[in-house]
Protein backbone atom coordinates (compact mmCIF):
# COMPACT_ATOMS: atom_id res chain seq x y z
CA UNK A 1 4.32 -30.77 -26.78
CA UNK A 2 0.83 -29.44 -26.16
CA UNK A 3 -0.03 -26.52 -23.86
CA UNK A 4 -3.25 -26.55 -21.88
CA UNK A 5 -4.50 -23.56 -19.87
CA UNK A 6 -6.47 -24.01 -16.64
CA UNK A 7 -10.24 -23.50 -16.89
CA UNK A 8 -9.95 -20.49 -14.59
CA UNK A 9 -6.75 -18.45 -14.78
CA UNK A 10 -5.57 -14.89 -14.91
CA UNK A 11 -6.92 -11.47 -14.06
CA UNK A 12 -10.09 -11.37 -11.96
CA UNK A 13 -12.93 -8.85 -11.83
CA UNK A 14 -11.50 -6.92 -8.88
CA UNK A 15 -8.10 -6.48 -10.54
CA UNK A 16 -9.58 -5.63 -13.93
CA UNK A 17 -11.82 -3.05 -12.24
CA UNK A 18 -8.90 -1.48 -10.37
CA UNK A 19 -6.72 -1.25 -13.49
CA UNK A 20 -9.56 0.42 -15.39
CA UNK A 21 -10.17 2.92 -12.56
CA UNK A 22 -6.48 3.87 -12.42
CA UNK A 23 -6.19 4.22 -16.20
CA UNK A 24 -9.34 6.35 -16.38
CA UNK A 25 -8.00 8.64 -13.65
CA UNK A 26 -4.74 9.10 -15.57
CA UNK A 27 -6.57 9.76 -18.84
CA UNK A 28 -7.73 13.13 -17.48
CA UNK A 29 -4.14 14.33 -17.41
CA UNK A 30 -4.10 14.79 -13.63
CA UNK A 31 -1.30 13.66 -11.36
CA UNK A 32 -2.25 10.11 -10.34
CA UNK A 33 -0.60 7.93 -7.72
CA UNK A 34 -1.55 4.62 -6.19
CA UNK A 35 -0.99 4.10 -2.47
CA UNK A 36 1.42 1.21 -2.74
CA UNK A 37 1.36 -1.03 -5.84
CA UNK A 38 -2.19 -1.17 -7.20
CA UNK A 39 -1.91 -4.95 -7.59
CA UNK A 40 0.81 -7.48 -6.83
CA UNK A 41 2.17 -7.75 -10.34
CA UNK A 42 5.39 -5.81 -11.06
CA UNK A 43 4.90 -5.90 -14.83
CA UNK A 44 1.36 -4.52 -14.63
CA UNK A 45 2.51 -1.80 -12.23
CA UNK A 46 5.29 -0.86 -14.67
CA UNK A 47 2.73 -0.68 -17.50
CA UNK A 48 0.60 1.68 -15.39
CA UNK A 49 3.62 3.88 -14.78
CA UNK A 50 4.09 4.22 -18.54
CA UNK A 51 0.52 5.56 -18.65
CA UNK A 52 1.19 8.18 -15.99
CA UNK A 53 0.22 6.29 -12.84
CA UNK A 54 2.98 6.51 -10.24
CA UNK A 55 3.30 4.65 -6.93
CA UNK A 56 3.36 6.47 -3.58
CA UNK A 57 4.91 4.38 -0.83
CA UNK A 58 3.04 6.39 1.79
CA UNK A 59 0.49 9.19 2.06
CA UNK A 60 3.19 11.83 2.49
CA UNK A 61 4.44 11.05 -1.04
CA UNK A 62 1.02 11.91 -2.48
CA UNK A 63 1.12 15.68 -2.17
CA UNK A 64 -1.47 16.54 -4.82
CA UNK A 65 -3.72 15.19 -7.55
CA UNK A 66 -5.54 11.85 -7.43
CA UNK A 67 -4.82 9.00 -5.03
CA UNK A 68 -5.97 5.53 -6.02
CA UNK A 69 -6.51 3.06 -3.17
CA UNK A 70 -5.09 -0.33 -4.06
CA UNK A 71 -7.19 -3.48 -4.49
CA UNK A 72 -6.05 -4.76 -1.09
CA UNK A 73 -7.81 -1.94 0.77
CA UNK A 74 -6.51 0.24 3.60
CA UNK A 75 -7.36 1.53 7.05
CA UNK A 76 -10.41 3.84 6.56
CA UNK A 77 -8.55 6.50 8.53
CA UNK A 78 -6.04 6.74 5.66
CA UNK A 79 -8.81 7.54 3.17
CA UNK A 80 -10.21 10.17 5.53
CA UNK A 81 -6.74 11.68 6.00
CA UNK A 82 -6.16 11.77 2.23
CA UNK A 83 -9.40 13.66 1.65
CA UNK A 84 -8.56 16.10 4.42
CA UNK A 85 -5.31 16.81 2.56
CA UNK A 86 -7.33 17.79 -0.49
CA UNK A 87 -6.56 14.69 -2.56
CA UNK A 88 -9.13 13.29 -4.98
CA UNK A 89 -9.52 9.70 -3.74
CA UNK A 90 -10.45 6.85 -6.08
CA UNK A 91 -11.21 3.75 -4.01
CA UNK A 92 -10.27 0.68 -6.05
CA UNK A 93 -10.56 -1.73 -3.12
CA UNK A 94 -11.72 -5.10 -4.44
CA UNK A 95 -15.41 -5.68 -3.57
CA UNK A 96 -14.50 -9.07 -2.07
CA UNK A 97 -11.99 -7.37 0.22
CA UNK A 98 -14.70 -4.90 1.23
CA UNK A 99 -16.82 -7.88 2.30
CA UNK A 100 -13.97 -9.03 4.54
CA UNK A 101 -13.83 -5.53 6.06
CA UNK A 102 -17.56 -5.64 6.72
CA UNK A 103 -17.29 -9.10 8.27
CA UNK A 104 -14.57 -7.92 10.66
CA UNK A 105 -16.71 -4.95 11.69
CA UNK A 106 -19.73 -7.21 12.25
CA UNK A 107 -17.72 -9.53 14.49
CA UNK A 108 -16.31 -6.70 16.60
CA UNK A 109 -19.74 -5.13 17.01
CA UNK A 110 -21.07 -8.54 18.09
CA UNK A 111 -18.48 -8.84 20.85
CA UNK A 112 -16.37 -11.55 19.19
CA UNK A 113 -12.62 -11.85 19.51
CA UNK A 114 -11.48 -11.71 15.89
CA UNK A 115 -9.15 -14.25 14.28
CA UNK A 116 -7.92 -13.39 10.79
CA UNK A 117 -6.68 -16.27 8.67
CA UNK A 118 -3.96 -14.71 6.54
CA UNK A 119 -0.44 -13.38 6.14
CA UNK A 120 0.58 -11.00 8.97
CA UNK A 121 2.44 -8.51 6.76
CA UNK A 122 0.06 -8.54 3.81
CA UNK A 123 -1.59 -5.15 3.07
CA UNK A 124 -5.02 -6.77 2.79
CA UNK A 125 -4.69 -8.26 6.26
CA UNK A 126 -3.52 -4.91 7.64
CA UNK A 127 -6.70 -3.36 6.28
CA UNK A 128 -8.88 -6.06 7.83
CA UNK A 129 -7.17 -5.54 11.19
CA UNK A 130 -8.01 -1.83 10.98
CA UNK A 131 -11.68 -2.68 10.41
CA UNK A 132 -11.48 -4.95 13.47
CA UNK A 133 -10.53 -1.80 15.42
CA UNK A 134 -6.90 -2.86 15.54
CA UNK A 135 -7.51 -5.88 17.76
CA UNK A 136 -7.22 -9.25 16.06
CA UNK A 137 -5.24 -12.46 16.12
CA UNK A 138 -3.55 -13.17 12.78
CA UNK A 139 -2.85 -16.79 11.94
CA UNK A 140 -1.45 -18.04 8.65
CA UNK A 141 -1.44 -21.60 10.03
CA UNK A 142 -2.55 -23.45 13.15
CA UNK A 143 0.85 -23.03 14.82
CA UNK A 144 0.35 -19.24 14.77
CA UNK A 145 -2.62 -19.41 17.15
CA UNK A 146 -1.68 -18.23 20.67
CA UNK A 147 -1.75 -20.61 23.62
CA UNK A 148 -4.24 -18.29 25.35
CA UNK A 149 -7.11 -16.76 23.41
CA UNK A 150 -8.74 -13.45 24.47
CA UNK A 151 -12.11 -15.16 24.97
CA UNK A 152 -14.13 -18.24 24.05
CA UNK A 153 -16.46 -16.19 21.84
CA UNK A 154 -14.50 -16.25 18.59
CA UNK A 155 -15.13 -14.89 15.11
CA UNK A 156 -13.11 -15.80 12.03
CA UNK A 157 -12.57 -13.82 8.84
CA UNK A 158 -10.15 -14.84 6.11
CA UNK A 159 -7.86 -13.06 3.67
CA UNK A 160 -9.59 -13.32 0.29
CA UNK A 161 -6.70 -15.15 -1.38
CA UNK A 162 -6.23 -17.87 1.25
CA UNK A 163 -7.11 -21.50 0.54
CA UNK A 164 -10.22 -23.23 1.86
CA UNK A 165 -7.96 -25.96 3.23
CA UNK A 166 -6.00 -23.46 5.35
CA UNK A 167 -9.21 -21.90 6.64
CA UNK A 168 -10.61 -25.33 7.52
CA UNK A 169 -7.51 -26.31 9.47
CA UNK A 170 -7.61 -23.19 11.63
CA UNK A 171 -11.37 -23.39 12.21
CA UNK A 172 -10.96 -27.04 13.28
CA UNK A 173 -8.25 -26.02 15.75
CA UNK A 174 -10.40 -23.22 17.20
CA UNK A 175 -13.60 -25.22 17.54
CA UNK A 176 -12.71 -27.10 20.76
CA UNK A 177 -11.41 -23.88 22.29
CA UNK A 178 -14.59 -21.88 21.69
CA UNK A 179 -17.96 -21.68 23.36
CA UNK A 180 -19.21 -19.82 20.32
CA UNK A 181 -17.53 -19.72 16.92
CA UNK A 182 -18.74 -17.62 14.00
CA UNK A 183 -16.96 -17.98 10.65
CA UNK A 184 -17.13 -15.68 7.65
CA UNK A 185 -15.67 -17.45 4.64
CA UNK A 186 -14.46 -14.39 2.75
CA UNK A 187 -12.28 -16.27 0.26
CA UNK A 188 -13.29 -14.74 -3.06
CA UNK A 189 -14.92 -16.92 -5.71
CA UNK A 190 -12.22 -16.06 -8.25
CA UNK A 191 -9.54 -17.37 -5.90
CA UNK A 192 -11.45 -20.55 -5.14
CA UNK A 193 -12.09 -21.26 -8.83
CA UNK A 194 -8.45 -20.71 -9.76
CA UNK A 195 -7.23 -22.96 -6.97
CA UNK A 196 -9.63 -25.77 -7.89
CA UNK A 197 -8.76 -25.50 -11.59
CA UNK A 198 -5.01 -25.44 -10.87
CA UNK A 199 -5.27 -28.54 -8.65
CA UNK A 200 -7.21 -30.42 -11.32
CA UNK A 201 -4.82 -29.38 -14.11
CA UNK A 202 -1.65 -30.20 -12.17
CA UNK A 203 -2.87 -33.74 -11.59
CA UNK A 204 -3.10 -34.63 -15.27
CA UNK A 205 -0.26 -32.82 -17.05
CA UNK A 206 3.48 -33.50 -17.12
CA UNK A 207 4.66 -30.01 -16.20
CA UNK A 208 2.86 -26.98 -14.75
CA UNK A 209 3.86 -23.34 -15.19
CA UNK A 210 2.26 -20.77 -12.89
CA UNK A 211 2.39 -17.19 -14.16
CA UNK A 212 2.26 -14.10 -11.96
CA UNK A 213 4.03 -11.82 -9.53
CA UNK A 214 6.19 -13.42 -6.87
CA UNK A 215 4.81 -10.82 -4.47
CA UNK A 216 1.27 -12.02 -5.20
CA UNK A 217 -0.28 -14.10 -2.42
CA UNK A 218 -2.86 -15.72 -4.66
CA UNK A 219 -0.27 -16.63 -7.31
CA UNK A 220 2.21 -18.13 -4.85
CA UNK A 221 -0.63 -20.18 -3.37
CA UNK A 222 -1.44 -21.52 -6.83
CA UNK A 223 2.20 -22.56 -7.14
CA UNK A 224 2.03 -24.30 -3.74
CA UNK A 225 -1.13 -26.16 -4.75
CA UNK A 226 0.41 -27.27 -8.04
CA UNK A 227 3.67 -28.42 -6.42
CA UNK A 228 1.75 -30.51 -3.88
CA UNK A 229 0.22 -32.44 -6.77
CA UNK A 230 2.97 -32.24 -9.37
CA UNK A 231 6.66 -31.80 -8.43
CA UNK A 232 7.36 -30.44 -11.93
CA UNK A 233 5.65 -27.13 -11.19
CA UNK A 234 7.37 -23.80 -11.83
CA UNK A 235 6.45 -20.20 -10.96
CA UNK A 236 7.47 -17.47 -13.41
CA UNK A 237 6.70 -13.79 -13.80
CA UNK A 238 7.69 -13.39 -17.45
CA UNK A 239 8.38 -15.43 -20.58
CA UNK A 240 12.12 -14.76 -20.19
CA UNK A 241 12.20 -17.09 -17.18
CA UNK A 242 10.94 -20.16 -19.07
CA UNK A 243 13.65 -22.84 -19.03
CA UNK A 244 13.75 -25.49 -21.78
CA UNK A 245 15.10 -28.12 -19.36
CA UNK A 246 11.80 -28.12 -17.45
CA UNK A 247 10.02 -29.79 -20.34
CA UNK A 248 12.29 -32.77 -21.06
CA UNK A 249 10.06 -35.70 -22.00
CA UNK A 250 6.86 -33.69 -21.45
CA UNK A 251 3.91 -34.27 -23.77
CA UNK A 252 1.43 -31.90 -22.08
CA UNK A 253 2.24 -28.67 -20.24
CA UNK A 254 -0.34 -26.99 -18.03
CA UNK A 255 -0.41 -23.22 -17.57
CA UNK A 256 -2.27 -21.32 -14.88
CA UNK A 257 -2.02 -17.79 -13.55
CA UNK A 258 -2.90 -15.72 -10.52
CA UNK A 259 -5.83 -13.33 -10.35
CA UNK A 260 -3.48 -10.35 -10.76
CA UNK A 261 -1.89 -11.65 -13.98
CA UNK A 262 -2.95 -9.84 -17.19
CA UNK A 263 -3.78 -11.88 -20.30
CA UNK A 264 -0.81 -10.53 -22.26
CA UNK A 265 1.60 -11.85 -19.64
CA UNK A 266 0.05 -15.32 -19.83
CA UNK A 267 0.10 -15.27 -23.63
CA UNK A 268 3.80 -14.39 -23.61
CA UNK A 269 4.66 -17.38 -21.42
CA UNK A 270 2.54 -19.72 -23.55
CA UNK A 271 4.29 -18.50 -26.69
CA UNK A 272 7.70 -19.13 -25.09
CA UNK A 273 6.72 -22.69 -24.17
CA UNK A 274 5.27 -23.43 -27.59
CA UNK A 275 8.44 -22.12 -29.23
CA UNK A 276 10.32 -24.97 -27.54
CA UNK A 277 8.12 -27.68 -29.06
């Protein structure tokens, strides 16, 4: 049984940058907390905790020291509030997420009614809404669009980890309802590359294993993409979850991983699969 890894898989620039920023802040010996999990990977968050980086569920739990803003970004008012409280703020917002923030601001300033393609309860989407001055329609799929839109001058921005297919479906549904439609495709290049590579891999292997946090939007989307092509697709967080029965009769196993999945986590899963050969 041979294991093949997708051409693009695992931790992206934005996540790598955020992890480095948090670790460097902790290296100074100061009290360091992230506002919510830095990334959506429980194992990576646990590893940070072992290095002195704790998680604050809210601003009130960060009473002193350094506060690291998670990759998903936040309402700018939260950063301002944190600084007013005397906290040293390290902004680890992913640069691609920052572009989505800027796009939302541009649309609002241009008089567009903003539609955000994304998950309503996702922290990244909450941050984008804040940059749209708190007024935006959130649609994860076409059915989420309201029967009555605020205007016919519409602007679209998309959660960075959404799929191009999902964005296209919603834009197509909005087009006949708009007199003017401006679209910012803010899906990050790392996400797009991982989705394309996962789709290609899933179509030519016997079994696919997707590695990454179950709370990770980009990882769960990779699993959805793989399952649509190959019914023998499985999503795991750690090597302990690998099940020998998945690989009955399999000659080639494909492995891919979300953009918040560290290399060591991927290597552990690969080793577990190879041990079954």
